[in-house]
Protein backbone atom coordinates (compact mmCIF):
# COMPACT_ATOMS: atom_id res chain seq x y z
CA MET A 1 -0.05 -0.06 0.12
CA LYS A 2 1.29 3.71 -0.90
CA ARG A 3 1.82 5.69 2.47
CA GLU A 4 1.14 9.06 2.18
CA THR A 5 1.85 11.59 5.06
CA CYS A 6 -1.23 12.85 6.71
CA SER A 7 -1.70 17.02 5.84
CA THR A 8 -1.37 19.63 7.99
CA GLN A 9 0.17 18.62 11.73
CA LYS A 10 1.14 20.43 14.73
CA HIS A 11 3.62 18.93 16.60
CA THR A 12 4.36 20.26 20.56
CA PHE A 13 5.64 18.78 24.00
CA ASP A 14 3.47 18.82 26.99
CA SER A 15 5.59 18.97 30.15
CA SER A 16 2.61 18.97 32.40
CA ASN A 17 2.03 15.13 31.69
CA ASN A 18 4.89 14.35 29.87
CA SER A 19 4.15 14.04 26.27
CA TYR A 20 4.30 14.56 22.82
CA HIS A 21 1.24 15.54 21.18
CA VAL A 22 0.47 15.62 17.04
CA GLU A 23 -2.68 17.42 16.10
CA LEU A 24 -4.21 16.84 12.56
CA GLU A 25 -5.68 19.22 10.24
CA SER A 26 -9.10 17.35 10.75
CA ILE A 27 -10.26 13.68 11.34
CA GLN A 28 -8.27 11.40 8.98
CA TYR A 29 -8.00 8.24 9.03
CA VAL A 30 -4.31 7.08 10.41
CA ASP A 31 -2.46 4.01 8.93
CA GLU A 32 0.69 4.15 11.28
CA ILE A 33 2.96 6.57 12.64
CA GLU A 34 6.79 6.49 13.11
CA ILE A 35 8.65 7.91 16.10
CA HIS A 36 12.07 8.81 15.27
CA TRP A 37 14.70 9.00 18.45
CA ASN A 38 17.48 10.42 18.95
CA PHE A 39 19.30 7.78 20.38
CA ARG A 40 19.25 4.16 20.42
CA CYS A 41 17.73 3.04 23.62
CA GLU A 42 14.76 0.95 25.21
CA TYR A 43 12.08 3.88 25.75
CA LYS A 44 8.95 2.37 27.25
CA TYR A 45 5.69 4.74 25.58
CA GLU A 46 2.36 4.78 25.49
CA ILE A 47 0.27 5.69 22.84
CA GLU A 48 -3.11 7.40 22.72
CA ILE A 49 -5.81 8.89 20.19
CA SER A 50 -8.77 10.96 20.70
CA LEU A 51 -11.37 12.71 18.41
CA ASP A 52 -11.99 15.79 20.14
CA SER A 53 -8.38 16.39 22.19
CA ILE A 54 -10.63 15.73 25.64
CA HIS A 55 -11.38 12.10 25.48
CA TRP A 56 -8.53 10.03 24.94
CA VAL A 57 -8.37 6.15 24.78
CA LYS A 58 -5.26 4.16 24.83
CA LEU A 59 -4.39 2.51 21.31
CA SER A 60 -3.89 -1.15 22.88
CA LYS A 61 -3.49 -3.02 25.98
CA GLY A 62 0.37 -1.77 27.34
CA GLU A 63 3.48 0.11 26.65
CA TYR A 64 5.34 0.06 23.95
CA VAL A 65 9.45 -0.19 23.56
CA SER A 66 11.65 1.31 21.22
CA SER A 67 14.41 -1.06 20.07
CA ASP A 68 15.62 1.16 17.42
CA LEU A 69 16.08 5.01 16.07
CA VAL A 70 12.70 4.46 14.68
CA SER A 71 9.58 2.92 16.00
CA ARG A 72 6.68 1.88 13.71
CA ASN A 73 3.43 1.63 15.48
CA ILE A 74 -0.17 0.40 13.97
CA ILE A 75 -2.66 2.93 14.24
CA ARG A 76 -5.44 1.65 11.77
CA ALA A 77 -8.23 4.56 13.10
CA ASN A 78 -9.71 7.79 12.54
CA THR A 79 -8.27 10.38 14.53
CA GLY A 80 -7.28 14.08 14.87
CA TYR A 81 -5.34 13.35 17.80
CA ILE A 82 -2.40 11.55 18.81
CA ARG A 83 -0.06 11.57 22.31
CA ILE A 84 2.95 10.04 22.51
CA LYS A 85 3.55 9.87 26.78
CA LEU A 86 7.17 8.15 27.49
CA ALA A 87 7.05 5.92 31.01
CA ASP A 88 9.70 6.37 33.38
CA GLN A 89 11.32 10.00 32.32
CA SER A 90 11.40 13.50 33.25
CA ALA A 91 9.70 15.49 30.47
CA ASP A 92 12.99 17.07 29.94
CA ARG A 93 14.54 13.66 29.67
CA PHE A 94 11.39 12.94 26.65
CA SER A 95 12.42 16.06 24.91
CA GLU A 96 15.55 14.97 24.26
CA ALA A 97 14.53 11.53 23.88
CA MET A 98 12.22 12.43 21.26
CA LYS A 99 13.29 13.53 17.32
CA TYR A 100 10.21 13.65 15.79
CA VAL A 101 7.14 11.47 14.17
CA LEU A 102 5.70 11.03 10.60
CA VAL A 103 1.89 10.23 10.74
CA TYR A 104 0.84 8.31 7.75
CA SER A 105 -2.89 8.13 6.28
CA GLY A 106 -4.34 5.13 4.89
CA THR A 107 -7.71 3.59 3.49
CA ALA A 108 -9.95 1.64 5.84
CA ALA A 109 -10.67 -1.94 5.16
CA GLU A 110 -14.55 -2.92 5.89
CA PHE A 111 -14.86 -3.49 9.80
CA ILE A 112 -17.88 -4.32 11.72
CA LYS A 113 -18.82 -2.28 14.30
CA GLY A 114 -21.76 -3.79 15.63
CA VAL A 115 -24.66 -3.51 18.58
CA ASP A 116 -26.78 -6.80 19.58
CA VAL A 117 -30.06 -4.98 20.38
CA SER A 118 -32.16 -7.83 20.70
CA HIS A 119 -33.98 -6.43 24.18
CA LEU A 120 -34.46 -2.84 22.58
CA THR A 121 -38.41 -3.37 21.81
CA GLN A 122 -38.80 -4.54 25.41
CA ILE A 123 -37.07 -1.69 26.86
CA GLU A 124 -38.81 0.75 24.77
CA ASP A 125 -42.30 -0.80 25.61
CA PHE A 126 -41.80 -0.78 29.34
CA GLY A 127 -40.60 3.25 28.80
CA GLY A 128 -36.93 3.37 28.61
CA LYS A 129 -35.62 6.48 26.59
CA PHE A 130 -32.81 7.42 24.99
CA TYR A 131 -30.43 10.52 24.69
CA ASP A 132 -28.09 12.02 22.40
CA ARG A 133 -24.84 13.76 24.32
CA GLN A 134 -26.89 16.95 23.90
CA GLY A 135 -29.19 15.91 26.10
CA ARG A 136 -31.81 15.35 23.10
CA GLU A 137 -34.36 12.26 23.67
CA ARG A 138 -33.74 10.24 20.02
CA ASP A 139 -34.12 6.90 18.76
CA CYS A 140 -31.26 4.52 20.43
CA LEU A 141 -30.94 3.44 16.77
CA GLU A 142 -30.09 6.57 15.26
CA ILE A 143 -27.74 7.63 18.41
CA LEU A 144 -26.13 4.39 17.49
CA LYS A 145 -25.81 4.70 13.71
CA GLU A 146 -24.34 8.19 14.54
CA TYR A 147 -21.37 6.94 16.21
CA GLY A 148 -20.44 4.48 13.39
CA CYS A 149 -22.60 1.40 14.19
CA ASN A 150 -22.92 -0.53 11.41
CA TYR A 151 -24.36 -3.54 12.28
CA VAL A 152 -27.12 -5.03 14.67
CA ARG A 153 -27.09 -8.53 16.03
CA LEU A 154 -30.76 -10.27 16.91
CA LYS A 155 -31.34 -13.49 18.81
CA VAL A 156 -34.30 -15.81 17.72
CA TRP A 157 -35.92 -17.97 20.21
CA ASN A 158 -38.54 -20.94 19.06
CA LYS A 159 -41.47 -20.16 21.48
CA PRO A 160 -40.36 -17.45 24.06
CA GLY A 161 -43.16 -16.63 26.99
CA LEU A 162 -44.22 -17.48 30.58
CA PRO A 163 -43.36 -18.48 33.05
CA ASN A 164 -39.71 -17.92 32.73
CA SER A 165 -39.24 -16.15 29.35
CA ASP A 166 -40.09 -12.60 28.41
CA PRO A 167 -43.17 -11.07 29.82
CA ALA A 168 -44.71 -10.61 26.38
CA GLY A 169 -42.68 -13.17 24.62
CA TYR A 170 -39.95 -11.25 23.05
CA ASN A 171 -37.25 -12.33 20.67
CA ASP A 172 -39.36 -14.76 18.71
CA LYS A 173 -39.64 -14.58 14.80
CA ALA A 174 -42.46 -12.27 14.74
CA HIS A 175 -40.08 -9.50 17.20
CA VAL A 176 -37.00 -10.27 14.86
CA LEU A 177 -38.46 -9.68 12.00
CA GLY A 178 -40.17 -6.26 12.84
CA MET A 179 -36.72 -5.43 14.82
CA ALA A 180 -34.92 -6.35 11.47
CA LYS A 181 -36.62 -4.33 9.11
CA ARG A 182 -36.53 -1.28 11.73
CA ALA A 183 -32.82 -1.73 11.69
CA VAL A 184 -32.65 -1.96 7.86
CA ASP A 185 -34.65 1.00 7.20
CA LYS A 186 -31.67 2.91 9.40
CA GLY A 187 -28.69 1.39 7.31
CA TYR A 188 -27.80 -1.45 9.46
CA ARG A 189 -26.59 -4.64 8.19
CA LEU A 190 -27.88 -8.03 10.30
CA LEU A 191 -26.55 -10.83 12.03
CA ILE A 192 -29.35 -13.22 13.25
CA ASP A 193 -28.20 -15.41 15.99
CA PHE A 194 -30.49 -18.62 16.59
CA HIS A 195 -30.27 -20.17 19.81
CA TYR A 196 -32.20 -23.26 19.10
CA SER A 197 -34.50 -22.50 22.57
CA ASP A 198 -37.60 -21.39 24.04
CA TRP A 199 -35.24 -19.05 26.24
CA TRP A 200 -31.65 -18.07 27.23
CA ALA A 201 -28.76 -20.27 25.17
CA ASP A 202 -25.45 -20.01 26.82
CA PRO A 203 -22.38 -22.43 28.05
CA GLY A 204 -24.48 -23.17 30.85
CA LYS A 205 -27.89 -23.96 29.52
CA GLN A 206 -29.01 -25.26 26.34
CA PHE A 207 -32.70 -25.87 27.13
CA ILE A 208 -34.13 -27.83 24.20
CA PRO A 209 -37.47 -26.49 23.28
CA ASP A 210 -40.34 -27.78 24.48
CA ASP A 211 -42.32 -28.17 21.19
CA TRP A 212 -38.95 -30.99 20.22
CA LYS A 213 -38.36 -32.46 23.60
CA ASP A 214 -39.81 -35.56 22.18
CA LEU A 215 -37.99 -35.92 19.12
CA SER A 216 -35.64 -38.54 17.60
CA LEU A 217 -32.44 -37.23 16.43
CA GLU A 218 -33.79 -37.26 12.91
CA GLN A 219 -36.85 -35.38 13.93
CA LEU A 220 -34.78 -33.22 15.38
CA ASN A 221 -32.57 -32.48 12.61
CA THR A 222 -35.21 -31.41 10.34
CA ALA A 223 -37.03 -29.23 12.64
CA LEU A 224 -33.50 -27.44 13.60
CA TYR A 225 -33.65 -27.31 9.16
CA ASP A 226 -37.13 -26.18 9.09
CA PHE A 227 -37.02 -23.55 11.73
CA THR A 228 -34.06 -22.14 10.37
CA TYR A 229 -35.45 -22.06 6.90
CA GLU A 230 -38.92 -20.49 8.23
CA VAL A 231 -37.00 -17.66 9.91
CA LEU A 232 -35.04 -16.30 7.38
CA ASN A 233 -37.36 -16.76 4.46
CA GLY A 234 -39.40 -14.51 6.53
CA LEU A 235 -36.68 -11.96 6.68
CA LYS A 236 -35.61 -12.63 2.69
CA LEU A 237 -39.71 -11.96 1.58
CA GLN A 238 -39.49 -8.53 3.73
CA GLY A 239 -36.48 -7.53 1.96
CA THR A 240 -34.03 -8.00 5.32
CA LEU A 241 -31.64 -10.65 4.46
CA PRO A 242 -29.01 -10.68 7.02
CA GLU A 243 -25.10 -10.75 6.07
CA MET A 244 -24.40 -13.29 8.90
CA VAL A 245 -25.80 -16.34 10.33
CA GLN A 246 -24.82 -17.72 14.26
CA ILE A 247 -26.15 -21.34 13.95
CA GLY A 248 -26.25 -21.64 17.94
CA ASN A 249 -24.96 -19.41 20.71
CA GLU A 250 -22.33 -20.08 22.78
CA ILE A 251 -22.20 -23.99 21.96
CA THR A 252 -18.76 -24.88 23.98
CA ASN A 253 -20.52 -27.36 25.86
CA GLY A 254 -23.01 -28.38 22.68
CA MET A 255 -26.44 -27.59 22.05
CA LEU A 256 -30.02 -28.81 22.18
CA TRP A 257 -28.88 -30.50 25.94
CA ASP A 258 -28.58 -33.72 26.03
CA VAL A 259 -29.00 -34.57 22.71
CA ALA A 260 -26.03 -33.11 21.34
CA LYS A 261 -24.39 -31.86 24.91
CA VAL A 262 -20.88 -32.49 24.49
CA SER A 263 -19.31 -32.16 27.78
CA ASP A 264 -18.63 -33.82 30.75
CA GLU A 265 -19.48 -37.39 30.44
CA PHE A 266 -20.69 -36.10 26.88
CA ASP A 267 -17.85 -35.41 25.20
CA THR A 268 -17.77 -38.40 23.23
CA PRO A 269 -17.45 -39.04 19.56
CA GLU A 270 -20.94 -39.97 19.40
CA GLN A 271 -22.04 -36.71 20.72
CA TRP A 272 -19.79 -34.52 18.84
CA ASP A 273 -21.18 -36.53 15.48
CA LYS A 274 -24.74 -35.36 16.76
CA LEU A 275 -23.74 -32.18 17.13
CA CYS A 276 -22.20 -31.63 14.17
CA THR A 277 -25.01 -33.17 11.84
CA LEU A 278 -27.26 -30.28 13.46
CA LEU A 279 -24.90 -27.91 13.06
CA LYS A 280 -24.58 -29.22 9.37
CA SER A 281 -28.21 -29.27 8.93
CA GLY A 282 -28.66 -25.37 9.82
CA ILE A 283 -26.15 -24.00 7.40
CA SER A 284 -28.04 -26.14 5.02
CA ALA A 285 -30.98 -24.24 5.61
CA VAL A 286 -28.64 -20.97 5.54
CA LYS A 287 -27.36 -21.65 2.45
CA ALA A 288 -30.50 -22.75 0.99
CA ILE A 289 -32.14 -19.15 1.63
CA ASN A 290 -28.95 -17.77 -0.16
CA GLU A 291 -25.58 -18.80 -0.54
CA SER A 292 -23.89 -15.49 -0.21
CA ILE A 293 -25.05 -15.21 3.63
CA ARG A 294 -21.88 -16.48 5.94
CA THR A 295 -22.47 -18.54 8.67
CA VAL A 296 -21.08 -18.27 12.28
CA ILE A 297 -20.24 -20.76 14.82
CA HIS A 298 -19.66 -18.94 18.24
CA ILE A 299 -18.19 -20.27 21.52
CA GLU A 300 -17.65 -18.12 24.56
CA ARG A 301 -14.03 -19.25 25.29
CA GLY A 302 -12.61 -15.92 23.60
CA GLY A 303 -9.37 -15.93 25.99
CA ASP A 304 -8.82 -19.92 26.35
CA ASN A 305 -6.85 -21.13 23.44
CA GLU A 306 -6.78 -24.85 24.57
CA LYS A 307 -10.71 -24.92 24.69
CA SER A 308 -11.21 -23.32 21.59
CA CYS A 309 -8.54 -25.38 19.59
CA TYR A 310 -10.68 -28.62 21.03
CA PHE A 311 -13.73 -27.30 20.06
CA TYR A 312 -12.91 -26.25 16.40
CA ASP A 313 -10.76 -29.54 15.92
CA MET A 314 -13.81 -31.70 16.44
CA LEU A 315 -15.84 -29.56 13.60
CA ALA A 316 -13.09 -30.03 11.54
CA GLU A 317 -12.47 -33.46 11.89
CA ARG A 318 -16.15 -33.77 11.07
CA ASN A 319 -16.06 -31.40 7.91
CA VAL A 320 -18.65 -28.62 9.60
CA ALA A 321 -18.24 -26.26 6.34
CA TYR A 322 -18.74 -23.18 8.15
CA ASP A 323 -17.48 -19.74 7.20
CA ILE A 324 -16.40 -17.80 10.48
CA ILE A 325 -15.21 -18.26 14.04
CA GLY A 326 -17.40 -16.40 16.48
CA LEU A 327 -16.36 -15.50 20.18
CA SER A 328 -17.59 -14.26 23.18
CA TYR A 329 -14.61 -12.04 24.49
CA TYR A 330 -15.67 -10.49 28.27
CA PRO A 331 -12.44 -9.42 30.23
CA ILE A 332 -14.30 -9.78 33.78
CA TRP A 333 -15.13 -13.78 32.69
CA HIS A 334 -12.30 -14.87 29.96
CA GLY A 335 -9.13 -13.42 30.85
CA PRO A 336 -6.77 -10.72 29.99
CA ILE A 337 -6.55 -9.08 26.82
CA LYS A 338 -3.12 -11.08 26.19
CA ASP A 339 -4.86 -14.13 26.10
CA PHE A 340 -7.60 -12.91 23.86
CA SER A 341 -4.63 -11.92 21.39
CA SER A 342 -2.95 -14.71 21.47
CA ASN A 343 -6.30 -17.24 20.91
CA ILE A 344 -7.68 -14.88 18.16
CA LYS A 345 -4.22 -15.05 15.97
CA ASP A 346 -3.53 -18.84 16.92
CA LEU A 347 -7.14 -19.45 15.63
CA TYR A 348 -6.48 -17.64 12.37
CA ASP A 349 -2.97 -19.78 11.59
CA ARG A 350 -5.03 -23.25 12.76
CA TYR A 351 -8.06 -22.26 10.65
CA SER A 352 -7.60 -19.72 8.17
CA LYS A 353 -11.02 -18.67 8.75
CA GLU A 354 -12.52 -14.96 9.84
CA ILE A 355 -12.22 -13.77 13.19
CA LEU A 356 -15.87 -12.13 14.57
CA VAL A 357 -15.83 -11.12 18.37
CA ALA A 358 -20.06 -11.94 18.78
CA GLU A 359 -19.96 -10.55 22.32
CA VAL A 360 -17.80 -7.95 24.07
CA ALA A 361 -18.97 -5.85 26.89
CA TYR A 362 -17.29 -4.07 29.85
CA PRO A 363 -18.57 -2.43 33.51
CA TYR A 364 -18.57 1.32 32.90
CA THR A 365 -19.45 2.12 36.79
CA ALA A 366 -19.43 -0.20 40.18
CA GLU A 367 -22.90 1.09 40.99
CA ASN A 368 -26.06 -1.03 40.11
CA GLY A 369 -28.81 0.74 38.56
CA ASP A 370 -31.67 -1.42 40.32
CA ASP A 371 -32.24 -4.09 42.77
CA GLN A 372 -31.18 -7.15 40.19
CA LEU A 373 -27.54 -8.39 41.15
CA ASN A 374 -25.36 -6.96 37.98
CA ALA A 375 -23.66 -9.89 36.14
CA SER A 376 -20.41 -7.95 36.95
CA SER A 377 -20.77 -8.95 40.51
CA PHE A 378 -20.84 -12.92 40.16
CA PRO A 379 -18.87 -15.09 42.18
CA PHE A 380 -16.61 -15.99 39.22
CA THR A 381 -16.04 -12.30 38.01
CA ASN A 382 -12.60 -11.24 37.95
CA ILE A 383 -12.41 -7.52 37.28
CA PRO A 384 -8.91 -6.43 35.81
CA GLU A 385 -6.62 -4.18 38.82
CA GLU A 386 -5.65 -1.93 35.69
CA TYR A 387 -9.02 -1.66 33.88
CA PRO A 388 -11.93 -0.12 36.86
CA PRO A 389 -14.97 0.08 36.36
CA SER A 390 -15.31 3.73 34.41
CA ILE A 391 -16.37 4.92 31.14
CA GLN A 392 -12.27 5.45 30.52
CA SER A 393 -12.06 1.93 30.71
CA GLN A 394 -15.03 0.77 28.78
CA ALA A 395 -13.42 2.72 26.16
CA ASP A 396 -9.82 1.53 26.80
CA ILE A 397 -10.89 -2.17 26.77
CA LEU A 398 -12.90 -1.75 23.51
CA GLN A 399 -10.35 -0.37 21.56
CA ALA A 400 -7.44 -2.80 22.91
CA VAL A 401 -10.22 -5.35 21.76
CA ILE A 402 -10.39 -4.15 18.16
CA TYR A 403 -6.61 -3.23 17.83
CA GLU A 404 -5.79 -7.16 18.56
CA LEU A 405 -8.84 -7.78 15.48
CA LYS A 406 -7.08 -5.50 13.57
CA SER A 407 -3.81 -7.08 13.95
CA ILE A 408 -5.00 -10.37 12.66
CA PRO A 409 -3.50 -10.74 8.74
CA ASP A 410 -5.09 -9.70 5.57
CA ASN A 411 -7.98 -8.12 7.79
CA LYS A 412 -9.67 -11.60 8.94
CA GLY A 413 -10.27 -9.82 12.44
CA ILE A 414 -13.66 -8.64 10.63
CA GLY A 415 -15.27 -6.94 13.96
CA PHE A 416 -17.21 -6.99 17.03
CA PHE A 417 -20.47 -6.80 18.54
CA TYR A 418 -21.28 -4.78 21.67
CA TRP A 419 -23.66 -6.95 23.72
CA GLN A 420 -26.92 -5.04 24.83
CA PRO A 421 -25.45 -1.67 25.15
CA ASP A 422 -29.28 -0.33 25.42
CA PHE A 423 -30.24 -2.75 28.61
CA ILE A 424 -30.42 0.14 30.99
CA PRO A 425 -33.11 -0.23 34.23
CA VAL A 426 -36.39 -0.17 33.27
CA LYS A 427 -39.13 -1.73 35.52
CA GLY A 428 -40.56 -4.77 33.62
CA ALA A 429 -37.88 -4.98 31.18
CA GLY A 430 -35.81 -7.46 33.20
CA TRP A 431 -33.41 -10.72 31.94
CA LYS A 432 -36.30 -12.85 33.30
CA TYR A 433 -39.99 -12.42 34.06
CA GLY A 434 -40.35 -10.44 37.48
CA GLU A 435 -36.68 -9.65 37.54
CA GLY A 436 -34.33 -6.51 36.78
CA CYS A 437 -31.53 -6.07 34.74
CA GLU A 438 -28.20 -7.86 35.39
CA TRP A 439 -26.37 -5.74 32.90
CA ASP A 440 -27.13 -1.94 33.57
CA ASP A 441 -23.74 -1.57 34.53
CA GLN A 442 -22.12 -2.67 31.21
CA THR A 443 -24.18 -0.80 28.42
CA LEU A 444 -23.20 2.15 26.47
CA PHE A 445 -26.09 4.77 28.00
CA ASP A 446 -26.12 5.25 31.82
CA PHE A 447 -29.12 4.46 33.86
CA LYS A 448 -31.01 7.15 33.02
CA GLY A 449 -30.48 6.70 29.02
CA ASN A 450 -27.64 9.20 28.35
CA THR A 451 -25.12 8.54 26.12
CA LEU A 452 -21.40 7.59 27.38
CA TRP A 453 -18.52 8.78 25.67
CA SER A 454 -17.12 5.40 25.62
CA LEU A 455 -19.29 5.42 22.22
CA ASP A 456 -16.52 7.60 20.55
CA VAL A 457 -14.29 4.35 20.00
CA PHE A 458 -16.89 3.10 17.44
CA LYS A 459 -16.45 6.40 15.49
CA LEU A 460 -12.67 5.94 15.61
CA HIS A 461 -13.57 2.76 13.27
CA SER A 462 -16.10 4.04 11.20
């Protein structure tokens, strides 16, 4: 790629916080920077970027170390301001060490900046409202769109309703079609996420739909195909064909338990055969609707390379022809960024498939907006010391995830979906009938629906 330096820049040292600033003439897509040093020395430094010079986001997870007279650093983001901080050095020493910085522009590759807003209709129906940074009440989807969100992810439950599910049966086919139409009309593209359950499906539960409980494997295979085809055909007929479809949700331990469970005593070749037969059936239904729809196989082990490889090896042995590896990565549950980074790079090297973070989120506050225990307070939660709950940490974590995705060769780290940025506390609209919201500390809006500045990270990659 031809490299061109960015247009007019203003370069200054800031002795008050020991940093070197580059101010661009306008917001531009910066591909990389070169830091030229006066001496060969192992300088430790951090890079931050900003759209407004007020809110700064760390480029990646930690410090860089110079090893020569020139340090090259990939940026791959829209930015108007760049700040380089030298660690463990005085301001005078910094100005002596730094010679100059070159900033190179580039052309952004297509990148998914998605949101899972599966519960938005429910939240709105019970009175939830959203406000932009000017304090104006707005459609949540319109606010998110202005920050560069380009995809919406919608989950599908078979037959949700009382006593366990949402009070009005949200996330069924009718609600999904309605939200899909609304999203596409606003310029979004779609990922459809089949849970193959009447309720939440995740590593701890994969409840078989009530209507499918007494079916044989052969009948279940047909039912799964027919349901997948029916929902997607409905989307096709209304002109909202998805770009991507998930066959199952966080299925590390299998799905449609116990028929296709593959954990603990069910981790046998016969059980893996059953799971892969069902996955192939779902994929076939997707391709029957349209060959161009890409299929995603999604597990939750974003920071666990051993388990991720074991799972996808089982699929490879059985010739499951999916398109995209989908991972959930929640730093409070799935380990540090370095584990996520090494995992996604190894998965790409092994399987040569596109990598998608199908779910990511981080707490912006340690407070709770209702009387429902927040998910970030669960016993197995481990909040990283360097990222205490705050809007700043939320922004830095999201940028770090994006940085690692963009570090995968050939643009194969295709993007991310922020999970339920809209799940603010609204009485009656909880994760379960009669209960509140577990997620109100990890949204991209505060408890009253006001937009958080961490959404700037989406704009950095628009």
